[in-house]
């Protein structure tokens, strides 16, 4: 089962890719067909400066991607709620900030 695609090349037909309900990261979009060559599967790659090895967990969305070792998945999942709460608190503090010093304080006062 395919759950995601990581490629160091551009792609086209983004609207069609969205219908697949999988995550993907690529180097960009293109309007042309271009040549397509599948060279290897499950090998180390470098995408936009991020080195990725087989078995690494990648979380990605339309804003970008982060990676972490598979053995850290439980720790990451256990910290998601705390991190989300902290980001909400920080966003509220940033919205209330009235000057540069308050913005700096709100930004630096995080986990």
PDB file of N, CA and C in Angstrom:
ATOM      1  N   UNK A   1       0.842  -1.182   0.000  1.00  0.00           N
ATOM      2  CA  UNK A   1       0.000   0.000   0.000  1.00  0.00           C
ATOM      3  C   UNK A   1       0.884   1.241   0.000  1.00  0.00           C
ATOM      4  N   UNK A   2       0.630   2.158  -0.893  1.00  0.00           N
ATOM      5  CA  UNK A   2       1.375   3.413  -0.970  1.00  0.00           C
ATOM      6  C   UNK A   2       0.748   4.406  -0.002  1.00  0.00           C
ATOM      7  N   UNK A   3       1.568   4.968   0.884  1.00  0.00           N
ATOM      8  CA  UNK A   3       1.075   5.981   1.816  1.00  0.00           C
ATOM      9  C   UNK A   3       1.678   7.348   1.526  1.00  0.00           C
ATOM     10  N   UNK A   4       2.717   7.380   0.705  1.00  0.00           N
ATOM     11  CA  UNK A   4       3.339   8.643   0.382  1.00  0.00           C
ATOM     12  C   UNK A   4       4.342   8.504  -0.738  1.00  0.00           C
ATOM     13  N   UNK A   5       4.709   9.631  -1.300  1.00  0.00           N
ATOM     14  CA  UNK A   5       5.687   9.672  -2.383  1.00  0.00           C
ATOM     15  C   UNK A   5       6.709  10.751  -2.062  1.00  0.00           C
ATOM     16  N   UNK A   6       7.981  10.405  -2.174  1.00  0.00           N
ATOM     17  CA  UNK A   6       9.079  11.347  -2.007  1.00  0.00           C
ATOM     18  C   UNK A   6       9.877  11.307  -3.299  1.00  0.00           C
ATOM     19  N   UNK A   7       9.987  12.439  -3.977  1.00  0.00           N
ATOM     20  CA  UNK A   7      10.721  12.469  -5.240  1.00  0.00           C
ATOM     21  C   UNK A   7      11.551  13.736  -5.348  1.00  0.00           C
ATOM     22  N   UNK A   8      12.700  13.618  -5.982  1.00  0.00           N
ATOM     23  CA  UNK A   8      13.573  14.764  -6.174  1.00  0.00           C
ATOM     24  C   UNK A   8      13.343  15.403  -7.538  1.00  0.00           C
ATOM     25  N   UNK A   9      12.170  15.203  -8.090  1.00  0.00           N
ATOM     26  CA  UNK A   9      11.829  15.795  -9.375  1.00  0.00           C
ATOM     27  C   UNK A   9      10.483  16.481  -9.296  1.00  0.00           C
ATOM     28  N   UNK A  10      10.155  17.280 -10.288  1.00  0.00           N
ATOM     29  CA  UNK A  10       8.855  17.947 -10.302  1.00  0.00           C
ATOM     30  C   UNK A  10       7.754  17.002 -10.754  1.00  0.00           C
ATOM     31  N   UNK A  11       6.536  17.403 -10.533  1.00  0.00           N
ATOM     32  CA  UNK A  11       5.385  16.615 -10.962  1.00  0.00           C
ATOM     33  C   UNK A  11       4.361  17.551 -11.583  1.00  0.00           C
ATOM     34  N   UNK A  12       3.396  16.973 -12.243  1.00  0.00           N
ATOM     35  CA  UNK A  12       2.299  17.742 -12.811  1.00  0.00           C
ATOM     36  C   UNK A  12       0.996  17.125 -12.340  1.00  0.00           C
ATOM     37  N   UNK A  13      -0.111  17.672 -12.748  1.00  0.00           N
ATOM     38  CA  UNK A  13      -1.430  17.141 -12.398  1.00  0.00           C
ATOM     39  C   UNK A  13      -1.639  17.059 -10.886  1.00  0.00           C
ATOM     40  N   UNK A  14      -1.311  18.125 -10.201  1.00  0.00           N
ATOM     41  CA  UNK A  14      -1.439  18.167  -8.747  1.00  0.00           C
ATOM     42  C   UNK A  14      -2.870  17.885  -8.292  1.00  0.00           C
ATOM     43  N   UNK A  15      -3.856  18.377  -9.015  1.00  0.00           N
ATOM     44  CA  UNK A  15      -5.249  18.108  -8.638  1.00  0.00           C
ATOM     45  C   UNK A  15      -5.552  16.616  -8.648  1.00  0.00           C
ATOM     46  N   UNK A  16      -5.005  15.894  -9.599  1.00  0.00           N
ATOM     47  CA  UNK A  16      -5.207  14.442  -9.659  1.00  0.00           C
ATOM     48  C   UNK A  16      -4.473  13.748  -8.515  1.00  0.00           C
ATOM     49  N   UNK A  17      -3.297  14.236  -8.160  1.00  0.00           N
ATOM     50  CA  UNK A  17      -2.544  13.643  -7.056  1.00  0.00           C
ATOM     51  C   UNK A  17      -3.296  13.807  -5.738  1.00  0.00           C
ATOM     52  N   UNK A  18      -3.935  14.951  -5.547  1.00  0.00           N
ATOM     53  CA  UNK A  18      -4.684  15.191  -4.304  1.00  0.00           C
ATOM     54  C   UNK A  18      -5.791  14.158  -4.118  1.00  0.00           C
ATOM     55  N   UNK A  19      -6.397  13.701  -5.195  1.00  0.00           N
ATOM     56  CA  UNK A  19      -7.473  12.708  -5.113  1.00  0.00           C
ATOM     57  C   UNK A  19      -6.984  11.354  -4.615  1.00  0.00           C
ATOM     58  N   UNK A  20      -5.682  11.102  -4.676  1.00  0.00           N
ATOM     59  CA  UNK A  20      -5.131   9.821  -4.239  1.00  0.00           C
ATOM     60  C   UNK A  20      -5.124   9.680  -2.720  1.00  0.00           C
ATOM     61  N   UNK A  21      -5.296  10.793  -2.004  1.00  0.00           N
ATOM     62  CA  UNK A  21      -5.324  10.797  -0.540  1.00  0.00           C
ATOM     63  C   UNK A  21      -4.051  10.201   0.058  1.00  0.00           C
ATOM     64  N   UNK A  22      -2.909  10.602  -0.491  1.00  0.00           N
ATOM     65  CA  UNK A  22      -1.611  10.220   0.053  1.00  0.00           C
ATOM     66  C   UNK A  22      -0.807  11.497   0.264  1.00  0.00           C
ATOM     67  N   UNK A  23       0.244  11.395   1.043  1.00  0.00           N
ATOM     68  CA  UNK A  23       1.149  12.517   1.242  1.00  0.00           C
ATOM     69  C   UNK A  23       2.226  12.465   0.165  1.00  0.00           C
ATOM     70  N   UNK A  24       2.738  13.610  -0.225  1.00  0.00           N
ATOM     71  CA  UNK A  24       3.784  13.646  -1.233  1.00  0.00           C
ATOM     72  C   UNK A  24       4.637  14.883  -1.039  1.00  0.00           C
ATOM     73  N   UNK A  25       5.902  14.746  -1.396  1.00  0.00           N
ATOM     74  CA  UNK A  25       6.804  15.890  -1.433  1.00  0.00           C
ATOM     75  C   UNK A  25       7.632  15.745  -2.701  1.00  0.00           C
ATOM     76  N   UNK A  26       7.781  16.853  -3.410  1.00  0.00           N
ATOM     77  CA  UNK A  26       8.514  16.854  -4.666  1.00  0.00           C
ATOM     78  C   UNK A  26       9.261  18.168  -4.786  1.00  0.00           C
ATOM     79  N   UNK A  27      10.125  18.245  -5.781  1.00  0.00           N
ATOM     80  CA  UNK A  27      10.943  19.453  -5.907  1.00  0.00           C
ATOM     81  C   UNK A  27      10.194  20.612  -6.543  1.00  0.00           C
ATOM     82  N   UNK A  28       9.011  20.371  -7.089  1.00  0.00           N
ATOM     83  CA  UNK A  28       8.249  21.458  -7.689  1.00  0.00           C
ATOM     84  C   UNK A  28       7.169  20.939  -8.610  1.00  0.00           C
ATOM     85  N   UNK A  29       6.574  21.847  -9.337  1.00  0.00           N
ATOM     86  CA  UNK A  29       5.530  21.506 -10.302  1.00  0.00           C
ATOM     87  C   UNK A  29       6.019  21.836 -11.700  1.00  0.00           C
ATOM     88  N   UNK A  30       5.491  21.128 -12.668  1.00  0.00           N
ATOM     89  CA  UNK A  30       5.824  21.382 -14.057  1.00  0.00           C
ATOM     90  C   UNK A  30       4.573  21.236 -14.907  1.00  0.00           C
ATOM     91  N   UNK A  31       4.531  21.945 -15.998  1.00  0.00           N
ATOM     92  CA  UNK A  31       3.379  21.817 -16.891  1.00  0.00           C
ATOM     93  C   UNK A  31       3.641  20.806 -17.998  1.00  0.00           C
ATOM     94  N   UNK A  32       4.900  20.471 -18.214  1.00  0.00           N
ATOM     95  CA  UNK A  32       5.250  19.559 -19.299  1.00  0.00           C
ATOM     96  C   UNK A  32       5.293  18.110 -18.867  1.00  0.00           C
ATOM     97  N   UNK A  33       5.287  17.248 -19.873  1.00  0.00           N
ATOM     98  CA  UNK A  33       5.356  15.811 -19.599  1.00  0.00           C
ATOM     99  C   UNK A  33       6.736  15.423 -19.096  1.00  0.00           C
ATOM    100  N   UNK A  34       7.764  15.790 -19.816  1.00  0.00           N
ATOM    101  CA  UNK A  34       9.120  15.463 -19.419  1.00  0.00           C
ATOM    102  C   UNK A  34       9.376  13.969 -19.438  1.00  0.00           C
ATOM    103  N   UNK A  35      10.612  13.615 -19.214  1.00  0.00           N
ATOM    104  CA  UNK A  35      10.987  12.205 -19.136  1.00  0.00           C
ATOM    105  C   UNK A  35      10.811  11.721 -17.709  1.00  0.00           C
ATOM    106  N   UNK A  36      10.380  10.500 -17.567  1.00  0.00           N
ATOM    107  CA  UNK A  36      10.194   9.889 -16.259  1.00  0.00           C
ATOM    108  C   UNK A  36      11.017   8.620 -16.213  1.00  0.00           C
ATOM    109  N   UNK A  37      11.865   8.532 -15.224  1.00  0.00           N
ATOM    110  CA  UNK A  37      12.674   7.335 -15.062  1.00  0.00           C
ATOM    111  C   UNK A  37      12.638   6.919 -13.608  1.00  0.00           C
ATOM    112  N   UNK A  38      12.125   5.743 -13.349  1.00  0.00           N
ATOM    113  CA  UNK A  38      12.160   5.176 -12.009  1.00  0.00           C
ATOM    114  C   UNK A  38      13.476   4.424 -11.899  1.00  0.00           C
ATOM    115  N   UNK A  39      14.353   4.892 -11.026  1.00  0.00           N
ATOM    116  CA  UNK A  39      15.679   4.288 -10.941  1.00  0.00           C
ATOM    117  C   UNK A  39      15.799   3.295  -9.804  1.00  0.00           C
ATOM    118  N   UNK A  40      15.265   3.640  -8.632  1.00  0.00           N
ATOM    119  CA  UNK A  40      15.373   2.741  -7.487  1.00  0.00           C
ATOM    120  C   UNK A  40      14.224   3.007  -6.521  1.00  0.00           C
ATOM    121  N   UNK A  41      13.973   2.041  -5.671  1.00  0.00           N
ATOM    122  CA  UNK A  41      12.953   2.158  -4.630  1.00  0.00           C
ATOM    123  C   UNK A  41      13.610   1.794  -3.304  1.00  0.00           C
ATOM    124  N   UNK A  42      13.201   2.488  -2.239  1.00  0.00           N
ATOM    125  CA  UNK A  42      13.720   2.234  -0.891  1.00  0.00           C
ATOM    126  C   UNK A  42      15.234   2.396  -0.796  1.00  0.00           C
ATOM    127  N   UNK A  43      15.723   3.534  -1.290  1.00  0.00           N
ATOM    128  CA  UNK A  43      17.136   3.883  -1.187  1.00  0.00           C
ATOM    129  C   UNK A  43      17.230   5.286  -0.591  1.00  0.00           C
ATOM    130  N   UNK A  44      18.376   5.647  -0.003  1.00  0.00           N
ATOM    131  CA  UNK A  44      18.534   7.007   0.511  1.00  0.00           C
ATOM    132  C   UNK A  44      18.379   8.033  -0.612  1.00  0.00           C
ATOM    133  N   UNK A  45      17.694   9.139  -0.302  1.00  0.00           N
ATOM    134  CA  UNK A  45      17.513  10.233  -1.256  1.00  0.00           C
ATOM    135  C   UNK A  45      17.710  11.560  -0.531  1.00  0.00           C
ATOM    136  N   UNK A  46      17.900  12.602  -1.306  1.00  0.00           N
ATOM    137  CA  UNK A  46      17.982  13.952  -0.758  1.00  0.00           C
ATOM    138  C   UNK A  46      16.951  14.801  -1.481  1.00  0.00           C
ATOM    139  N   UNK A  47      16.001  15.348  -0.733  1.00  0.00           N
ATOM    140  CA  UNK A  47      14.928  16.158  -1.293  1.00  0.00           C
ATOM    141  C   UNK A  47      14.991  17.540  -0.651  1.00  0.00           C
ATOM    142  N   UNK A  48      15.208  18.544  -1.462  1.00  0.00           N
ATOM    143  CA  UNK A  48      15.243  19.930  -0.977  1.00  0.00           C
ATOM    144  C   UNK A  48      16.170  20.090   0.223  1.00  0.00           C
ATOM    145  N   UNK A  49      17.302  19.396   0.183  1.00  0.00           N
ATOM    146  CA  UNK A  49      18.273  19.494   1.261  1.00  0.00           C
ATOM    147  C   UNK A  49      18.012  18.579   2.444  1.00  0.00           C
ATOM    148  N   UNK A  50      16.943  17.791   2.408  1.00  0.00           N
ATOM    149  CA  UNK A  50      16.637  16.866   3.495  1.00  0.00           C
ATOM    150  C   UNK A  50      17.024  15.458   3.061  1.00  0.00           C
ATOM    151  N   UNK A  51      17.991  14.852   3.759  1.00  0.00           N
ATOM    152  CA  UNK A  51      18.380  13.475   3.477  1.00  0.00           C
ATOM    153  C   UNK A  51      17.383  12.530   4.118  1.00  0.00           C
ATOM    154  N   UNK A  52      16.898  11.573   3.333  1.00  0.00           N
ATOM    155  CA  UNK A  52      15.872  10.643   3.803  1.00  0.00           C
ATOM    156  C   UNK A  52      16.329   9.221   3.515  1.00  0.00           C
ATOM    157  N   UNK A  53      16.310   8.388   4.540  1.00  0.00           N
ATOM    158  CA  UNK A  53      16.661   6.977   4.399  1.00  0.00           C
ATOM    159  C   UNK A  53      15.413   6.116   4.498  1.00  0.00           C
ATOM    160  N   UNK A  54      15.437   4.945   3.875  1.00  0.00           N
ATOM    161  CA  UNK A  54      14.287   4.038   4.012  1.00  0.00           C
ATOM    162  C   UNK A  54      13.998   3.751   5.485  1.00  0.00           C
ATOM    163  N   UNK A  55      12.730   3.691   5.829  1.00  0.00           N
ATOM    164  CA  UNK A  55      12.330   3.392   7.203  1.00  0.00           C
ATOM    165  C   UNK A  55      12.175   4.606   8.093  1.00  0.00           C
ATOM    166  N   UNK A  56      12.634   5.756   7.640  1.00  0.00           N
ATOM    167  CA  UNK A  56      12.484   6.988   8.411  1.00  0.00           C
ATOM    168  C   UNK A  56      11.026   7.434   8.317  1.00  0.00           C
ATOM    169  N   UNK A  57      10.497   7.940   9.405  1.00  0.00           N
ATOM    170  CA  UNK A  57       9.133   8.462   9.408  1.00  0.00           C
ATOM    171  C   UNK A  57       9.174   9.900   8.889  1.00  0.00           C
ATOM    172  N   UNK A  58       8.305  10.203   7.953  1.00  0.00           N
ATOM    173  CA  UNK A  58       8.212  11.556   7.410  1.00  0.00           C
ATOM    174  C   UNK A  58       6.790  12.049   7.623  1.00  0.00           C
ATOM    175  N   UNK A  59       6.672  13.203   8.258  1.00  0.00           N
ATOM    176  CA  UNK A  59       5.369  13.861   8.346  1.00  0.00           C
ATOM    177  C   UNK A  59       5.411  15.001   7.353  1.00  0.00           C
ATOM    178  N   UNK A  60       4.439  15.024   6.442  1.00  0.00           N
ATOM    179  CA  UNK A  60       4.441  16.095   5.460  1.00  0.00           C
ATOM    180  C   UNK A  60       3.032  16.556   5.157  1.00  0.00           C
ATOM    181  N   UNK A  61       2.956  17.824   4.812  1.00  0.00           N
ATOM    182  CA  UNK A  61       1.706  18.412   4.348  1.00  0.00           C
ATOM    183  C   UNK A  61       2.068  19.479   3.327  1.00  0.00           C
ATOM    184  N   UNK A  62       1.122  20.319   2.969  1.00  0.00           N
ATOM    185  CA  UNK A  62       1.391  21.300   1.925  1.00  0.00           C
ATOM    186  C   UNK A  62       2.405  22.356   2.332  1.00  0.00           C
ATOM    187  N   UNK A  63       2.780  22.392   3.607  1.00  0.00           N
ATOM    188  CA  UNK A  63       3.731  23.390   4.086  1.00  0.00           C
ATOM    189  C   UNK A  63       5.165  22.884   4.114  1.00  0.00           C
ATOM    190  N   UNK A  64       5.356  21.576   4.038  1.00  0.00           N
ATOM    191  CA  UNK A  64       6.705  21.035   4.086  1.00  0.00           C
ATOM    192  C   UNK A  64       6.735  19.674   4.741  1.00  0.00           C
ATOM    193  N   UNK A  65       7.930  19.262   5.136  1.00  0.00           N
ATOM    194  CA  UNK A  65       8.106  17.926   5.696  1.00  0.00           C
ATOM    195  C   UNK A  65       9.147  17.949   6.807  1.00  0.00           C
ATOM    196  N   UNK A  66       8.967  17.065   7.766  1.00  0.00           N
ATOM    197  CA  UNK A  66       9.958  16.816   8.809  1.00  0.00           C
ATOM    198  C   UNK A  66      10.149  15.315   8.897  1.00  0.00           C
ATOM    199  N   UNK A  67      11.303  14.905   9.363  1.00  0.00           N
ATOM    200  CA  UNK A  67      11.589  13.474   9.476  1.00  0.00           C
ATOM    201  C   UNK A  67      12.065  13.163  10.886  1.00  0.00           C
ATOM    202  N   UNK A  68      11.899  11.894  11.265  1.00  0.00           N
ATOM    203  CA  UNK A  68      12.434  11.431  12.536  1.00  0.00           C
ATOM    204  C   UNK A  68      12.571   9.915  12.475  1.00  0.00           C
ATOM    205  N   UNK A  69      13.464   9.341  13.296  1.00  0.00           N
ATOM    206  CA  UNK A  69      13.654   7.890  13.284  1.00  0.00           C
ATOM    207  C   UNK A  69      12.380   7.163  13.703  1.00  0.00           C
ATOM    208  N   UNK A  70      12.134   6.020  13.099  1.00  0.00           N
ATOM    209  CA  UNK A  70      10.923   5.247  13.390  1.00  0.00           C
ATOM    210  C   UNK A  70      10.809   4.912  14.876  1.00  0.00           C
ATOM    211  N   UNK A  71      11.927   4.691  15.535  1.00  0.00           N
ATOM    212  CA  UNK A  71      11.881   4.329  16.958  1.00  0.00           C
ATOM    213  C   UNK A  71      11.417   5.493  17.841  1.00  0.00           C
ATOM    214  N   UNK A  72      11.340   6.691  17.298  1.00  0.00           N
ATOM    215  CA  UNK A  72      10.860   7.861  18.044  1.00  0.00           C
ATOM    216  C   UNK A  72       9.371   8.134  17.829  1.00  0.00           C
ATOM    217  N   UNK A  73       8.691   7.312  17.037  1.00  0.00           N
ATOM    218  CA  UNK A  73       7.287   7.563  16.707  1.00  0.00           C
ATOM    219  C   UNK A  73       6.417   7.670  17.956  1.00  0.00           C
ATOM    220  N   UNK A  74       6.590   6.772  18.910  1.00  0.00           N
ATOM    221  CA  UNK A  74       5.771   6.809  20.128  1.00  0.00           C
ATOM    222  C   UNK A  74       6.001   8.116  20.895  1.00  0.00           C
ATOM    223  N   UNK A  75       7.262   8.530  21.022  1.00  0.00           N
ATOM    224  CA  UNK A  75       7.570   9.786  21.717  1.00  0.00           C
ATOM    225  C   UNK A  75       6.941  10.980  21.002  1.00  0.00           C
ATOM    226  N   UNK A  76       7.033  10.988  19.684  1.00  0.00           N
ATOM    227  CA  UNK A  76       6.448  12.087  18.908  1.00  0.00           C
ATOM    228  C   UNK A  76       4.941  12.137  19.124  1.00  0.00           C
ATOM    229  N   UNK A  77       4.291  10.990  19.031  1.00  0.00           N
ATOM    230  CA  UNK A  77       2.832  10.942  19.222  1.00  0.00           C
ATOM    231  C   UNK A  77       2.436  11.378  20.627  1.00  0.00           C
ATOM    232  N   UNK A  78       3.229  10.995  21.621  1.00  0.00           N
ATOM    233  CA  UNK A  78       2.929  11.375  22.998  1.00  0.00           C
ATOM    234  C   UNK A  78       3.071  12.877  23.235  1.00  0.00           C
ATOM    235  N   UNK A  79       3.852  13.559  22.413  1.00  0.00           N
ATOM    236  CA  UNK A  79       4.098  14.988  22.603  1.00  0.00           C
ATOM    237  C   UNK A  79       3.266  15.894  21.698  1.00  0.00           C
ATOM    238  N   UNK A  80       2.480  15.317  20.804  1.00  0.00           N
ATOM    239  CA  UNK A  80       1.721  16.126  19.843  1.00  0.00           C
ATOM    240  C   UNK A  80       0.764  17.086  20.542  1.00  0.00           C
ATOM    241  N   UNK A  81       0.010  16.609  21.508  1.00  0.00           N
ATOM    242  CA  UNK A  81      -0.977  17.465  22.168  1.00  0.00           C
ATOM    243  C   UNK A  81      -0.304  18.610  22.927  1.00  0.00           C
ATOM    244  N   UNK A  82       0.781  18.302  23.635  1.00  0.00           N
ATOM    245  CA  UNK A  82       1.489  19.348  24.378  1.00  0.00           C
ATOM    246  C   UNK A  82       2.062  20.394  23.424  1.00  0.00           C
ATOM    247  N   UNK A  83       2.617  19.950  22.314  1.00  0.00           N
ATOM    248  CA  UNK A  83       3.168  20.886  21.341  1.00  0.00           C
ATOM    249  C   UNK A  83       2.067  21.741  20.719  1.00  0.00           C
ATOM    250  N   UNK A  84       0.948  21.131  20.393  1.00  0.00           N
ATOM    251  CA  UNK A  84      -0.175  21.873  19.821  1.00  0.00           C
ATOM    252  C   UNK A  84      -0.691  22.923  20.805  1.00  0.00           C
ATOM    253  N   UNK A  85      -0.817  22.533  22.074  1.00  0.00           N
ATOM    254  CA  UNK A  85      -1.257  23.480  23.102  1.00  0.00           C
ATOM    255  C   UNK A  85      -0.277  24.644  23.228  1.00  0.00           C
ATOM    256  N   UNK A  86       1.019  24.335  23.195  1.00  0.00           N
ATOM    257  CA  UNK A  86       2.039  25.372  23.302  1.00  0.00           C
ATOM    258  C   UNK A  86       1.990  26.314  22.098  1.00  0.00           C
ATOM    259  N   UNK A  87       1.789  25.758  20.905  1.00  0.00           N
ATOM    260  CA  UNK A  87       1.684  26.610  19.716  1.00  0.00           C
ATOM    261  C   UNK A  87       0.454  27.518  19.797  1.00  0.00           C
ATOM    262  N   UNK A  88      -0.652  27.008  20.317  1.00  0.00           N
ATOM    263  CA  UNK A  88      -1.852  27.831  20.497  1.00  0.00           C
ATOM    264  C   UNK A  88      -1.588  28.971  21.480  1.00  0.00           C
ATOM    265  N   UNK A  89      -0.934  28.654  22.594  1.00  0.00           N
ATOM    266  CA  UNK A  89      -0.605  29.669  23.588  1.00  0.00           C
ATOM    267  C   UNK A  89       0.296  30.739  22.980  1.00  0.00           C
ATOM    268  N   UNK A  90       1.290  30.294  22.223  1.00  0.00           N
ATOM    269  CA  UNK A  90       2.215  31.233  21.602  1.00  0.00           C
ATOM    270  C   UNK A  90       1.500  32.109  20.569  1.00  0.00           C
ATOM    271  N   UNK A  91       0.628  31.524  19.774  1.00  0.00           N
ATOM    272  CA  UNK A  91      -0.111  32.300  18.766  1.00  0.00           C
ATOM    273  C   UNK A  91      -0.953  33.380  19.434  1.00  0.00           C
ATOM    274  N   UNK A  92      -1.601  33.044  20.547  1.00  0.00           N
ATOM    275  CA  UNK A  92      -2.404  34.032  21.273  1.00  0.00           C
ATOM    276  C   UNK A  92      -1.527  35.160  21.803  1.00  0.00           C
ATOM    277  N   UNK A  93      -0.352  34.798  22.333  1.00  0.00           N
ATOM    278  CA  UNK A  93       0.566  35.817  22.851  1.00  0.00           C
ATOM    279  C   UNK A  93       1.067  36.719  21.724  1.00  0.00           C
ATOM    280  N   UNK A  94       1.336  36.140  20.563  1.00  0.00           N
ATOM    281  CA  UNK A  94       1.783  36.951  19.429  1.00  0.00           C
ATOM    282  C   UNK A  94       0.691  37.903  18.959  1.00  0.00           C
ATOM    283  N   UNK A  95      -0.545  37.441  18.953  1.00  0.00           N
ATOM    284  CA  UNK A  95      -1.656  38.303  18.536  1.00  0.00           C
ATOM    285  C   UNK A  95      -1.884  39.459  19.509  1.00  0.00           C
ATOM    286  N   UNK A  96      -1.587  39.234  20.785  1.00  0.00           N
ATOM    287  CA  UNK A  96      -1.763  40.282  21.794  1.00  0.00           C
ATOM    288  C   UNK A  96      -0.592  41.269  21.826  1.00  0.00           C
ATOM    289  N   UNK A  97       0.549  40.870  21.260  1.00  0.00           N
ATOM    290  CA  UNK A  97       1.755  41.703  21.328  1.00  0.00           C
ATOM    291  C   UNK A  97       1.511  43.065  20.688  1.00  0.00           C
ATOM    292  N   UNK A  98       1.999  44.095  21.367  1.00  0.00           N
ATOM    293  CA  UNK A  98       1.774  45.464  20.904  1.00  0.00           C
ATOM    294  C   UNK A  98       3.053  46.142  20.412  1.00  0.00           C
ATOM    295  N   UNK A  99       4.212  45.504  20.642  1.00  0.00           N
ATOM    296  CA  UNK A  99       5.467  46.094  20.184  1.00  0.00           C
ATOM    297  C   UNK A  99       6.481  44.973  19.923  1.00  0.00           C
ATOM    298  N   UNK A 100       7.639  45.355  19.413  1.00  0.00           N
ATOM    299  CA  UNK A 100       8.658  44.377  19.034  1.00  0.00           C
ATOM    300  C   UNK A 100       9.124  43.558  20.233  1.00  0.00           C
ATOM    301  N   UNK A 101       9.304  44.191  21.382  1.00  0.00           N
ATOM    302  CA  UNK A 101       9.752  43.456  22.566  1.00  0.00           C
ATOM    303  C   UNK A 101       8.745  42.379  22.968  1.00  0.00           C
ATOM    304  N   UNK A 102       7.467  42.691  22.906  1.00  0.00           N
ATOM    305  CA  UNK A 102       6.440  41.697  23.244  1.00  0.00           C
ATOM    306  C   UNK A 102       6.403  40.572  22.209  1.00  0.00           C
ATOM    307  N   UNK A 103       6.632  40.899  20.952  1.00  0.00           N
ATOM    308  CA  UNK A 103       6.692  39.861  19.914  1.00  0.00           C
ATOM    309  C   UNK A 103       7.871  38.933  20.169  1.00  0.00           C
ATOM    310  N   UNK A 104       9.037  39.509  20.458  1.00  0.00           N
ATOM    311  CA  UNK A 104      10.223  38.692  20.749  1.00  0.00           C
ATOM    312  C   UNK A 104       9.979  37.798  21.956  1.00  0.00           C
ATOM    313  N   UNK A 105       9.405  38.351  23.007  1.00  0.00           N
ATOM    314  CA  UNK A 105       9.142  37.588  24.222  1.00  0.00           C
ATOM    315  C   UNK A 105       8.182  36.435  23.935  1.00  0.00           C
ATOM    316  N   UNK A 106       7.126  36.707  23.177  1.00  0.00           N
ATOM    317  CA  UNK A 106       6.158  35.657  22.840  1.00  0.00           C
ATOM    318  C   UNK A 106       6.810  34.579  21.987  1.00  0.00           C
ATOM    319  N   UNK A 107       7.654  34.985  21.055  1.00  0.00           N
ATOM    320  CA  UNK A 107       8.279  34.026  20.151  1.00  0.00           C
ATOM    321  C   UNK A 107       9.315  33.175  20.877  1.00  0.00           C
ATOM    322  N   UNK A 108      10.093  33.779  21.760  1.00  0.00           N
ATOM    323  CA  UNK A 108      11.166  33.056  22.437  1.00  0.00           C
ATOM    324  C   UNK A 108      10.675  32.239  23.623  1.00  0.00           C
ATOM    325  N   UNK A 109       9.509  32.543  24.155  1.00  0.00           N
ATOM    326  CA  UNK A 109       8.976  31.842  25.321  1.00  0.00           C
ATOM    327  C   UNK A 109       8.144  30.647  24.864  1.00  0.00           C
ATOM    328  N   UNK A 110       8.837  29.616  24.408  1.00  0.00           N
ATOM    329  CA  UNK A 110       8.152  28.414  23.922  1.00  0.00           C
ATOM    330  C   UNK A 110       8.937  27.188  24.339  1.00  0.00           C
ATOM    331  N   UNK A 111       8.394  26.049  24.033  1.00  0.00           N
ATOM    332  CA  UNK A 111       9.036  24.779  24.422  1.00  0.00           C
ATOM    333  C   UNK A 111      10.405  24.690  23.793  1.00  0.00           C
TER     334      UNK A 111
END
